[in-house]
């Protein structure tokens, strides 16, 4: 059976695997910043796409970031770790 890949992660996901709260929130904040930079770069490059005014992650109150970017920052995959945490909990 294929594991379900989460498109986004939040700081509580990172805390569940052992990161301190402040560190987890910092990682999410960094990942959001990278997502916004990627969005801005990609939206300028592709002229044939319906344009959004800004990245969906460009919102201070939004506490999620793309899992793929979070994984790049922390250096390992969250998919297996988060699934095993949910099964244990």
N, C-alpha and C. Protein backbone atom coordinates (compact mmCIF):
# COMPACT_ATOMS: atom_id res chain seq x y z
N UNK A 1 0.84 -1.18 0.00
CA UNK A 1 0.00 0.00 0.00
C UNK A 1 0.89 1.24 0.00
N UNK A 2 0.59 2.20 -0.84
CA UNK A 2 1.37 3.43 -0.94
C UNK A 2 1.11 4.33 0.26
N UNK A 3 2.17 5.00 0.70
CA UNK A 3 2.00 5.92 1.82
C UNK A 3 1.43 7.23 1.30
N UNK A 4 0.54 7.81 2.06
CA UNK A 4 -0.05 9.08 1.68
C UNK A 4 0.97 10.18 1.95
N UNK A 5 1.26 10.97 0.93
CA UNK A 5 2.22 12.06 1.07
C UNK A 5 1.47 13.32 1.43
N UNK A 6 1.88 13.95 2.50
CA UNK A 6 1.25 15.20 2.92
C UNK A 6 1.85 16.34 2.13
N UNK A 7 1.00 17.16 1.53
CA UNK A 7 1.48 18.28 0.73
C UNK A 7 2.02 19.41 1.59
N UNK A 8 1.51 19.52 2.82
CA UNK A 8 1.97 20.58 3.71
C UNK A 8 2.30 20.01 5.09
N UNK A 9 3.11 20.76 5.81
CA UNK A 9 3.46 20.40 7.18
C UNK A 9 3.29 21.64 8.04
N UNK A 10 3.06 21.43 9.33
CA UNK A 10 3.00 22.56 10.25
C UNK A 10 3.98 22.33 11.39
N UNK A 11 4.11 23.32 12.26
CA UNK A 11 5.12 23.22 13.31
C UNK A 11 4.81 22.09 14.30
N UNK A 12 3.54 21.76 14.46
CA UNK A 12 3.19 20.67 15.37
C UNK A 12 3.68 19.32 14.83
N UNK A 13 3.66 19.18 13.50
CA UNK A 13 4.23 17.96 12.90
C UNK A 13 5.69 17.83 13.28
N UNK A 14 6.42 18.94 13.22
CA UNK A 14 7.84 18.91 13.56
C UNK A 14 8.06 18.68 15.04
N UNK A 15 7.21 19.24 15.88
CA UNK A 15 7.30 19.02 17.32
C UNK A 15 7.04 17.55 17.64
N UNK A 16 6.11 16.93 16.90
CA UNK A 16 5.79 15.52 17.12
C UNK A 16 6.99 14.61 16.90
N UNK A 17 7.92 15.05 16.07
CA UNK A 17 9.10 14.21 15.82
C UNK A 17 10.32 14.68 16.60
N UNK A 18 10.12 15.63 17.53
CA UNK A 18 11.20 15.97 18.45
C UNK A 18 11.80 17.36 18.37
N UNK A 19 11.37 18.18 17.42
CA UNK A 19 11.91 19.54 17.36
C UNK A 19 11.29 20.39 18.45
N UNK A 20 12.08 21.27 19.09
CA UNK A 20 11.51 22.22 20.04
C UNK A 20 10.56 23.18 19.32
N UNK A 21 9.59 23.73 20.04
CA UNK A 21 8.57 24.58 19.42
C UNK A 21 9.17 25.74 18.63
N UNK A 22 10.10 26.47 19.21
CA UNK A 22 10.68 27.63 18.53
C UNK A 22 11.38 27.21 17.24
N UNK A 23 12.13 26.12 17.30
CA UNK A 23 12.84 25.61 16.12
C UNK A 23 11.85 25.18 15.05
N UNK A 24 10.79 24.48 15.46
CA UNK A 24 9.77 24.02 14.51
C UNK A 24 9.11 25.20 13.81
N UNK A 25 8.77 26.22 14.57
CA UNK A 25 8.13 27.40 13.97
C UNK A 25 9.10 28.12 13.03
N UNK A 26 10.38 28.16 13.38
CA UNK A 26 11.39 28.78 12.53
C UNK A 26 11.54 28.03 11.21
N UNK A 27 11.53 26.71 11.27
CA UNK A 27 11.64 25.89 10.05
C UNK A 27 10.44 26.16 9.13
N UNK A 28 9.24 26.20 9.70
CA UNK A 28 8.04 26.48 8.90
C UNK A 28 8.13 27.87 8.28
N UNK A 29 8.58 28.85 9.05
CA UNK A 29 8.72 30.22 8.55
C UNK A 29 9.72 30.27 7.39
N UNK A 30 10.85 29.58 7.53
CA UNK A 30 11.84 29.54 6.45
C UNK A 30 11.27 28.86 5.21
N UNK A 31 10.56 27.76 5.41
CA UNK A 31 9.98 27.02 4.27
C UNK A 31 8.95 27.88 3.54
N UNK A 32 8.15 28.62 4.29
CA UNK A 32 7.17 29.52 3.67
C UNK A 32 7.87 30.58 2.83
N UNK A 33 8.96 31.13 3.35
CA UNK A 33 9.72 32.15 2.63
C UNK A 33 10.26 31.59 1.32
N UNK A 34 10.79 30.38 1.36
CA UNK A 34 11.30 29.73 0.15
C UNK A 34 10.15 29.48 -0.84
N UNK A 35 9.00 29.02 -0.33
CA UNK A 35 7.83 28.77 -1.19
C UNK A 35 7.39 30.05 -1.89
N UNK A 36 7.41 31.16 -1.17
CA UNK A 36 7.01 32.45 -1.76
C UNK A 36 8.02 32.87 -2.82
N UNK A 37 9.32 32.71 -2.53
CA UNK A 37 10.35 33.03 -3.52
C UNK A 37 10.21 32.17 -4.77
N UNK A 38 9.96 30.87 -4.58
CA UNK A 38 9.76 29.97 -5.72
C UNK A 38 8.54 30.38 -6.53
N UNK A 39 7.46 30.73 -5.85
CA UNK A 39 6.24 31.15 -6.52
C UNK A 39 6.51 32.39 -7.37
N UNK A 40 7.17 33.38 -6.78
CA UNK A 40 7.44 34.62 -7.52
C UNK A 40 8.33 34.36 -8.73
N UNK A 41 9.34 33.53 -8.57
CA UNK A 41 10.24 33.20 -9.69
C UNK A 41 9.48 32.45 -10.78
N UNK A 42 8.71 31.44 -10.38
CA UNK A 42 7.99 30.62 -11.36
C UNK A 42 6.88 31.39 -12.06
N UNK A 43 6.22 32.28 -11.34
CA UNK A 43 5.10 33.01 -11.97
C UNK A 43 5.62 34.01 -13.00
N UNK A 44 6.84 34.50 -12.81
CA UNK A 44 7.41 35.41 -13.80
C UNK A 44 7.89 34.64 -15.03
N UNK A 45 8.30 33.41 -14.84
CA UNK A 45 8.87 32.62 -15.93
C UNK A 45 7.80 32.06 -16.88
N UNK A 46 6.63 31.71 -16.34
CA UNK A 46 5.61 31.06 -17.17
C UNK A 46 4.48 32.05 -17.49
N UNK A 47 4.44 32.46 -18.73
CA UNK A 47 3.44 33.46 -19.16
C UNK A 47 2.09 32.84 -19.54
N UNK A 48 2.01 31.51 -19.63
CA UNK A 48 0.80 30.85 -20.09
C UNK A 48 -0.06 30.28 -18.96
N UNK A 49 0.15 30.77 -17.76
CA UNK A 49 -0.56 30.25 -16.60
C UNK A 49 -1.47 31.33 -16.03
N UNK A 50 -2.61 30.92 -15.51
CA UNK A 50 -3.47 31.87 -14.83
C UNK A 50 -2.70 32.41 -13.63
N UNK A 51 -2.68 33.70 -13.48
CA UNK A 51 -1.85 34.32 -12.45
C UNK A 51 -2.62 34.52 -11.15
N UNK A 52 -1.97 34.17 -10.05
CA UNK A 52 -2.44 34.54 -8.73
C UNK A 52 -1.68 35.81 -8.35
N UNK A 53 -2.31 36.65 -7.54
CA UNK A 53 -1.64 37.88 -7.12
C UNK A 53 -0.41 37.60 -6.26
N UNK A 54 -0.52 36.57 -5.43
CA UNK A 54 0.59 36.22 -4.55
C UNK A 54 0.52 34.75 -4.21
N UNK A 55 1.59 34.25 -3.64
CA UNK A 55 1.66 32.86 -3.25
C UNK A 55 0.62 32.54 -2.17
N UNK A 56 0.03 31.38 -2.21
CA UNK A 56 -0.90 30.99 -1.14
C UNK A 56 -0.22 30.95 0.23
N UNK A 57 1.10 30.83 0.25
CA UNK A 57 1.84 30.77 1.51
C UNK A 57 2.23 32.16 2.02
N UNK A 58 1.91 33.19 1.24
CA UNK A 58 2.23 34.57 1.63
C UNK A 58 1.13 35.12 2.53
N UNK A 59 1.05 34.55 3.73
CA UNK A 59 0.02 34.90 4.71
C UNK A 59 0.62 34.66 6.09
N UNK A 60 0.78 35.71 6.87
CA UNK A 60 1.40 35.58 8.20
C UNK A 60 0.69 34.60 9.10
N UNK A 61 -0.62 34.54 8.99
CA UNK A 61 -1.40 33.68 9.90
C UNK A 61 -1.44 32.22 9.47
N UNK A 62 -1.01 31.95 8.26
CA UNK A 62 -1.00 30.58 7.77
C UNK A 62 0.21 29.85 8.33
N UNK A 63 -0.03 28.83 9.10
CA UNK A 63 1.06 28.13 9.79
C UNK A 63 1.48 26.84 9.13
N UNK A 64 1.38 26.78 7.81
CA UNK A 64 1.79 25.57 7.09
C UNK A 64 2.77 25.95 5.99
N UNK A 65 3.53 24.96 5.57
CA UNK A 65 4.49 25.14 4.49
C UNK A 65 4.54 23.85 3.68
N UNK A 66 5.00 23.93 2.43
CA UNK A 66 5.12 22.72 1.62
C UNK A 66 6.06 21.70 2.26
N UNK A 67 5.58 20.48 2.40
CA UNK A 67 6.37 19.43 3.03
C UNK A 67 7.70 19.23 2.31
N UNK A 68 7.67 19.30 1.01
CA UNK A 68 8.89 19.09 0.21
C UNK A 68 10.00 20.07 0.63
N UNK A 69 9.64 21.32 0.85
CA UNK A 69 10.62 22.33 1.24
C UNK A 69 11.06 22.10 2.69
N UNK A 70 10.13 21.75 3.57
CA UNK A 70 10.47 21.45 4.96
C UNK A 70 11.47 20.30 5.00
N UNK A 71 11.22 19.27 4.20
CA UNK A 71 12.12 18.12 4.15
C UNK A 71 13.52 18.51 3.69
N UNK A 72 13.60 19.42 2.72
CA UNK A 72 14.91 19.90 2.26
C UNK A 72 15.65 20.61 3.39
N UNK A 73 14.92 21.39 4.17
CA UNK A 73 15.54 22.14 5.26
C UNK A 73 16.03 21.23 6.39
N UNK A 74 15.25 20.20 6.72
CA UNK A 74 15.63 19.35 7.86
C UNK A 74 16.50 18.17 7.44
N UNK A 75 16.52 17.86 6.15
CA UNK A 75 17.43 16.83 5.65
C UNK A 75 16.91 15.41 5.65
N UNK A 76 15.61 15.22 5.91
CA UNK A 76 15.05 13.87 5.82
C UNK A 76 13.56 13.95 5.52
N UNK A 77 13.01 12.82 5.08
CA UNK A 77 11.61 12.74 4.68
C UNK A 77 10.69 12.66 5.90
N UNK A 78 9.63 13.42 5.85
CA UNK A 78 8.64 13.40 6.93
C UNK A 78 7.56 12.33 6.72
N UNK A 79 7.40 11.85 5.51
CA UNK A 79 6.26 10.99 5.20
C UNK A 79 6.19 9.75 6.09
N UNK A 80 7.25 9.01 6.20
CA UNK A 80 7.24 7.82 7.05
C UNK A 80 7.15 8.16 8.52
N UNK A 81 7.82 9.22 8.93
CA UNK A 81 7.83 9.62 10.34
C UNK A 81 6.45 10.07 10.78
N UNK A 82 5.80 10.89 10.00
CA UNK A 82 4.47 11.38 10.38
C UNK A 82 3.45 10.27 10.39
N UNK A 83 3.54 9.34 9.44
CA UNK A 83 2.59 8.23 9.40
C UNK A 83 2.75 7.34 10.63
N UNK A 84 4.00 7.05 11.02
CA UNK A 84 4.20 6.19 12.18
C UNK A 84 3.77 6.89 13.47
N UNK A 85 3.93 8.20 13.54
CA UNK A 85 3.48 8.96 14.70
C UNK A 85 1.95 8.87 14.85
N UNK A 86 1.25 8.97 13.72
CA UNK A 86 -0.22 8.93 13.76
C UNK A 86 -0.71 7.53 14.15
N UNK A 87 0.01 6.50 13.69
CA UNK A 87 -0.38 5.14 14.03
C UNK A 87 -0.15 4.86 15.51
N UNK A 88 0.93 5.40 16.08
CA UNK A 88 1.24 5.22 17.49
C UNK A 88 0.30 6.00 18.39
N UNK A 89 -0.17 7.17 17.91
CA UNK A 89 -0.98 8.09 18.72
C UNK A 89 -2.36 7.66 18.75
